[in-house]
Protein backbone atom coordinates (compact mmCIF):
# COMPACT_ATOMS: atom_id res chain seq x y z
CA MET A 1 21.54 -26.47 -11.86
CA PRO A 2 19.00 -23.53 -11.59
CA GLN A 3 18.82 -22.18 -7.86
CA LEU A 4 17.52 -18.97 -8.93
CA ILE A 5 13.88 -17.67 -9.42
CA PHE A 6 13.13 -14.77 -11.58
CA HIS A 7 10.04 -13.86 -14.02
CA PRO A 8 10.40 -10.37 -15.76
CA ILE A 9 6.42 -9.45 -13.70
CA TYR A 10 7.88 -9.06 -10.86
CA SER A 11 8.64 -5.60 -11.77
CA GLN A 12 5.70 -5.13 -14.38
CA LEU A 13 3.20 -2.96 -12.08
CA SER A 14 2.32 0.43 -13.09
CA LEU A 15 2.28 2.31 -9.75
CA PRO A 16 1.44 6.26 -9.52
CA VAL A 17 4.15 8.33 -9.72
CA LYS A 18 6.50 8.74 -6.68
CA HIS A 19 4.71 5.65 -4.94
CA ARG A 20 6.87 4.40 -2.25
CA PHE A 21 7.33 0.73 -3.06
CA PRO A 22 10.79 0.22 -5.21
CA ILE A 23 8.79 -1.87 -8.19
CA GLN A 24 11.95 -2.21 -10.61
CA LYS A 25 14.30 -3.50 -8.15
CA TYR A 26 13.41 -7.08 -9.13
CA GLN A 27 14.36 -6.56 -12.77
CA GLY A 28 17.47 -4.31 -11.64
CA ILE A 29 18.84 -7.77 -9.53
CA TYR A 30 18.16 -9.89 -12.32
CA ASP A 31 19.84 -7.31 -14.80
CA VAL A 32 22.69 -6.90 -12.29
CA LEU A 33 23.57 -11.02 -11.84
CA ARG A 34 23.32 -11.30 -15.24
CA THR A 35 25.86 -8.51 -16.35
CA GLU A 36 28.11 -10.22 -13.79
CA GLY A 37 28.27 -13.42 -15.53
CA VAL A 38 25.10 -15.19 -14.01
CA ALA A 39 23.99 -17.32 -17.09
CA GLU A 40 20.23 -17.52 -17.80
CA THR A 41 20.05 -20.84 -17.50
CA ASP A 42 20.66 -20.64 -14.04
CA PHE A 43 17.26 -18.88 -13.75
CA LEU A 44 13.60 -20.87 -13.36
CA THR A 45 10.57 -19.03 -14.68
CA PRO A 46 8.12 -19.38 -11.84
CA GLU A 47 4.23 -20.01 -13.04
CA ALA A 48 1.44 -18.30 -11.15
CA VAL A 49 -0.01 -20.22 -7.93
CA PRO A 50 -3.72 -21.32 -8.74
CA PRO A 51 -5.98 -19.56 -6.80
CA GLU A 52 -7.80 -22.62 -5.29
CA ASP A 53 -4.46 -23.82 -3.83
CA LEU A 54 -4.49 -20.35 -2.15
CA MET A 55 -8.29 -20.84 -0.48
CA ARG A 56 -7.11 -23.95 1.01
CA VAL A 57 -5.00 -22.01 3.57
CA PHE A 58 -6.32 -18.27 3.25
CA SER A 59 -9.95 -16.69 3.44
CA PRO A 60 -11.62 -17.48 0.24
CA ALA A 61 -13.82 -14.36 0.69
CA TYR A 62 -10.58 -12.19 0.82
CA LEU A 63 -9.05 -14.01 -1.74
CA LYS A 64 -11.96 -13.51 -4.17
CA HIS A 65 -12.21 -9.81 -3.58
CA PHE A 66 -8.84 -9.48 -4.57
CA LEU A 67 -8.78 -11.64 -7.61
CA HIS A 68 -12.01 -9.72 -8.96
CA GLY A 69 -11.31 -6.46 -8.01
CA THR A 70 -14.16 -5.61 -5.32
CA MET A 71 -12.05 -5.20 -2.32
CA ASP A 72 -13.24 -1.88 -0.69
CA ASN A 73 -11.00 0.96 -0.56
CA LYS A 74 -9.83 1.26 3.16
CA ALA A 75 -8.62 -2.59 2.49
CA MET A 76 -6.51 -1.55 -0.49
CA ARG A 77 -5.34 1.36 1.03
CA ARG A 78 -3.77 -0.82 3.96
CA ILE A 79 -2.31 -2.98 1.10
CA GLY A 80 -0.90 0.11 -0.60
CA PHE A 81 -1.15 -0.96 -4.16
CA PRO A 82 -3.86 0.53 -6.30
CA TRP A 83 -6.00 -2.96 -7.33
CA SER A 84 -5.22 -3.89 -11.32
CA GLU A 85 -5.37 -7.31 -13.07
CA GLN A 86 -1.55 -6.94 -13.58
CA LEU A 87 -1.45 -6.61 -9.61
CA VAL A 88 -3.35 -9.88 -9.55
CA LYS A 89 -1.01 -11.88 -11.95
CA ARG A 90 2.05 -10.32 -10.39
CA THR A 91 1.02 -11.56 -6.87
CA LEU A 92 0.32 -14.81 -8.06
CA THR A 93 3.28 -15.19 -10.11
CA ALA A 94 5.74 -13.93 -7.11
CA VAL A 95 3.99 -16.38 -4.91
CA GLY A 96 4.53 -19.15 -7.27
CA GLY A 97 7.97 -17.97 -7.05
CA THR A 98 8.53 -18.67 -3.57
CA LEU A 99 6.98 -22.01 -4.00
CA LEU A 100 9.38 -23.07 -6.39
CA THR A 101 12.18 -21.57 -4.63
CA ALA A 102 11.14 -23.69 -1.36
CA LYS A 103 11.02 -26.60 -3.98
CA GLN A 104 14.19 -26.06 -5.28
CA ALA A 105 15.71 -25.80 -2.17
CA LEU A 106 15.00 -29.07 -0.95
CA ASP A 107 16.19 -30.55 -4.08
CA LYS A 108 19.75 -28.31 -4.33
CA GLY A 109 20.44 -27.45 -0.93
CA TRP A 110 19.71 -23.65 -1.48
CA ALA A 111 17.57 -21.77 -3.55
CA ILE A 112 16.73 -17.77 -3.88
CA ASN A 113 13.57 -16.06 -5.19
CA LEU A 114 14.40 -12.76 -6.65
CA THR A 115 11.17 -11.31 -4.97
CA GLY A 116 8.98 -12.83 -1.75
CA GLY A 117 9.15 -12.08 1.62
CA TYR A 118 5.18 -10.77 1.80
CA HIS A 119 5.16 -11.02 5.81
CA HIS A 120 2.46 -8.55 6.32
CA ALA A 121 -0.21 -10.92 4.72
CA PHE A 122 -2.74 -12.17 7.09
CA ALA A 123 -5.42 -15.28 6.25
CA ASN A 124 -8.14 -12.50 5.50
CA PHE A 125 -6.42 -9.25 4.73
CA GLY A 126 -3.11 -7.88 3.20
CA SER A 127 -1.00 -5.14 4.59
CA GLY A 128 1.96 -3.10 3.84
CA PHE A 129 2.21 -4.12 0.36
CA CYS A 130 1.90 -7.61 1.20
CA ILE A 131 -1.01 -9.68 -0.32
CA ILE A 132 -0.63 -13.18 0.19
CA ASN A 133 1.94 -14.59 2.94
CA ASP A 134 4.23 -16.49 0.70
CA LEU A 135 6.59 -17.81 3.52
CA TYR A 136 3.81 -19.32 5.67
CA LEU A 137 2.51 -20.80 2.10
CA ALA A 138 5.83 -21.93 1.32
CA ALA A 139 6.41 -23.42 5.05
CA LEU A 140 3.04 -25.77 4.70
CA GLN A 141 4.50 -27.05 1.20
CA MET A 142 8.08 -27.85 2.38
CA ARG A 143 6.23 -29.87 5.18
CA GLN A 144 4.86 -32.13 2.32
CA SER A 145 8.32 -33.69 1.62
CA ALA A 146 8.47 -36.83 3.50
CA ASP A 147 11.96 -35.56 4.81
CA ILE A 148 10.58 -32.48 6.04
CA ASP A 149 8.89 -31.87 9.83
CA ARG A 150 9.48 -28.63 11.21
CA VAL A 151 10.38 -25.69 9.33
CA LEU A 152 11.70 -22.38 10.44
CA ILE A 153 11.09 -19.26 8.99
CA PHE A 154 13.70 -16.43 9.56
CA ASP A 155 12.65 -13.09 9.08
CA CYS A 156 15.64 -10.24 9.29
CA ASP A 157 13.37 -7.91 7.62
CA VAL A 158 13.39 -4.52 9.38
CA HIS A 159 9.66 -4.92 9.87
CA GLN A 160 8.14 -7.38 11.92
CA GLY A 161 7.20 -10.35 9.77
CA ASP A 162 3.24 -10.13 12.03
CA GLY A 163 1.20 -11.91 9.28
CA THR A 164 3.38 -14.72 9.40
CA ALA A 165 3.56 -14.75 13.11
CA LYS A 166 -0.29 -15.09 13.41
CA LEU A 167 -0.52 -17.52 10.52
CA ALA A 168 1.82 -19.66 12.19
CA ALA A 169 1.11 -19.15 15.93
CA ASN A 170 -0.90 -22.34 16.09
CA HIS A 171 1.29 -24.32 13.98
CA PRO A 172 3.33 -26.79 16.11
CA TYR A 173 5.91 -27.63 13.65
CA ILE A 174 6.22 -24.10 11.93
CA LYS A 175 8.61 -21.88 14.13
CA THR A 176 9.05 -18.01 13.23
CA VAL A 177 11.42 -15.94 14.25
CA SER A 178 11.86 -12.37 13.62
CA LEU A 179 14.53 -9.59 14.19
CA HIS A 180 12.94 -6.17 13.67
CA ALA A 181 13.25 -2.42 14.52
CA GLU A 182 11.41 -2.22 17.64
CA LYS A 183 9.52 1.34 16.88
CA ASN A 184 8.82 0.58 13.41
CA PHE A 185 5.96 -0.42 11.42
CA PRO A 186 3.73 -2.98 11.78
CA TYR A 187 2.63 -0.54 14.78
CA ARG A 188 0.93 -3.53 16.90
CA LYS A 189 3.09 -6.64 16.77
CA GLN A 190 2.25 -10.20 16.75
CA ARG A 191 3.90 -12.52 18.92
CA SER A 192 6.71 -14.59 16.95
CA ASP A 193 8.01 -17.97 18.33
CA LEU A 194 11.34 -15.79 19.13
CA ASP A 195 10.91 -12.03 18.37
CA PHE A 196 14.46 -9.93 18.86
CA PRO A 197 13.16 -6.20 18.95
CA LEU A 198 16.08 -4.03 17.95
CA PRO A 199 16.77 -0.37 18.91
CA ALA A 200 17.07 2.55 16.60
CA LYS A 201 20.47 3.55 15.42
CA MET A 202 21.72 -0.17 15.75
CA ASP A 203 25.30 -0.88 13.84
CA ASP A 204 27.03 -3.71 12.29
CA SER A 205 28.55 -5.49 15.11
CA ALA A 206 25.66 -4.89 17.34
CA TYR A 207 23.37 -6.29 15.07
CA LEU A 208 25.61 -9.47 13.74
CA GLU A 209 25.67 -10.51 17.56
CA VAL A 210 22.00 -10.59 17.80
CA VAL A 211 21.77 -12.46 14.53
CA ASP A 212 24.57 -14.96 16.10
CA GLU A 213 22.28 -15.25 19.16
CA ALA A 214 19.14 -15.66 17.11
CA LEU A 215 20.49 -18.71 14.98
CA HIS A 216 22.34 -19.96 17.79
CA ILE A 217 18.80 -20.29 19.84
CA ALA A 218 16.85 -21.17 16.86
CA LEU A 219 18.35 -24.10 15.43
CA ALA A 220 18.87 -25.55 19.37
CA GLN A 221 15.45 -24.67 20.06
CA PHE A 222 13.58 -25.97 17.29
CA ASN A 223 15.86 -28.37 15.52
CA PRO A 224 14.21 -27.51 12.01
CA ASP A 225 14.56 -29.56 9.00
CA ALA A 226 14.65 -27.14 6.60
CA ILE A 227 14.44 -22.70 6.95
CA ILE A 228 13.10 -20.01 4.86
CA TYR A 229 14.90 -16.99 5.16
CA ASP A 230 13.66 -13.34 4.62
CA ALA A 231 16.65 -11.28 3.84
CA GLY A 232 15.38 -8.17 3.63
CA VAL A 233 17.77 -5.35 3.45
CA ASP A 234 15.75 -2.25 5.01
CA ILE A 235 17.93 -2.93 8.10
CA HIS A 236 20.63 -0.48 5.73
CA ILE A 237 21.75 2.72 7.07
CA ASP A 238 20.46 4.68 3.77
CA ASP A 239 16.83 2.98 3.84
CA ASP A 240 14.08 5.26 3.64
CA LEU A 241 12.19 3.02 5.97
CA GLY A 242 14.59 1.25 8.49
CA HIS A 243 15.90 3.45 11.61
CA LEU A 244 18.87 0.90 11.87
CA CYS A 245 22.36 1.77 10.50
CA VAL A 246 23.48 -1.91 9.03
CA THR A 247 26.45 -1.04 6.01
CA THR A 248 26.28 -3.14 3.05
CA GLU A 249 28.98 -5.46 4.14
CA GLY A 250 27.15 -5.82 7.59
CA ILE A 251 24.06 -7.21 5.42
CA TYR A 252 26.65 -9.25 3.56
CA ALA A 253 28.27 -10.80 7.00
CA ARG A 254 24.99 -11.36 8.09
CA ASP A 255 23.52 -13.11 4.98
CA CYS A 256 26.94 -15.19 5.20
CA LEU A 257 26.04 -15.98 8.79
CA VAL A 258 22.41 -17.21 7.92
CA ARG A 259 24.05 -19.63 5.29
CA ALA A 260 26.98 -21.15 7.66
CA TYR A 261 24.67 -21.90 10.05
CA SER A 262 22.34 -23.44 7.63
CA GLU A 263 25.26 -25.46 6.07
CA LYS A 264 26.84 -26.92 9.29
CA ALA A 265 23.38 -28.04 9.93
CA GLY A 266 22.85 -29.46 6.79
CA ILE A 267 19.36 -27.77 6.67
CA PRO A 268 18.33 -26.85 3.21
CA ILE A 269 17.41 -23.02 2.97
CA ALA A 270 14.72 -21.05 0.92
CA ALA A 271 15.93 -17.19 0.55
CA VAL A 272 13.72 -14.17 -0.48
CA ILE A 273 14.93 -11.03 -0.65
CA GLY A 274 12.43 -9.09 1.49
CA GLY A 275 12.14 -5.25 1.94
CA GLY A 276 14.35 -2.56 0.51
CA TYR A 277 13.23 1.09 0.26
CA GLN A 278 16.01 2.96 -1.18
CA ARG A 279 14.80 5.40 -4.01
CA ASP A 280 18.08 4.94 -5.89
CA ILE A 281 17.39 1.58 -7.42
CA SER A 282 20.92 1.22 -8.55
CA LYS A 283 22.01 1.67 -4.79
CA LEU A 284 19.09 -0.45 -3.47
CA VAL A 285 20.14 -3.03 -5.90
CA GLU A 286 23.63 -3.04 -4.72
CA VAL A 287 22.51 -4.11 -1.37
CA HIS A 288 20.27 -6.72 -2.06
CA LYS A 289 23.10 -8.26 -4.22
CA GLN A 290 24.91 -9.26 -0.93
CA LEU A 291 22.55 -12.16 -0.48
CA PHE A 292 23.79 -13.45 -4.05
CA ARG A 293 27.37 -12.93 -2.95
CA ALA A 294 26.94 -14.72 0.31
CA PHE A 295 25.88 -17.68 -1.85
CA ASN A 296 28.69 -17.39 -3.79
CA VAL A 297 26.41 -16.41 -6.97
CA VAL A 298 28.50 -13.32 -8.05
CA SER A 299 31.68 -12.36 -6.49
């Protein structure tokens, strides 16, 4: 039963030479999973989310400027990508992938999108390689299910999920938790329902203690019916943008811990791979692969 979501367009974006964003990692993850025995039939291919669906949630003016390439240079610099029609197609498809992941998670218990986690996107502007906030949109979609009232967005990317926190700030049934490096982008943080700012150089043991604490508090306090998990790996000791010292096995342990909590509580979980910025794509893919190890997709 397919619980993995992928589209080749995730990595099909031409970027300037030496651009900071590792766009090839998505195809790299797919290729490694296939090499390690995951069948092609285990993947679902998402469709682009219709722009009119986005305009019910986010600023229509902002979206129209993005869709038609009329956004000013300052706004595009804040996003971090040069505008192109392919960027629009890729963005809409990536968001569609997270929405499909959320649907599959409710149907199957868990699902993983091989992209996603665009948590720096706000209602009326994008930032930090994030254009449309797929996490908040997926939470809204989950709540349309008769069995889902409260949704927890559990964000373990090294950068605070500021856009998600702001979007969900006044929503009584979407709760946000962010574990992030205290002194890292974004420099102006928003207030999540629970924030866990982490000191630089934090190692596996200390980090996993915080993850365990955060999960315990969040599940007890919010009693969610579903979880959206941003499994960012930019906490890794070799990540160029992270400043933490978590190892590959530490990331695997974290992902196992998140899954264990969701399984024990009987809560469906939709995971996205989040950030990761090592320039060596093969090494970066290996770190991202830990999420799939934790869910027994590969060994």
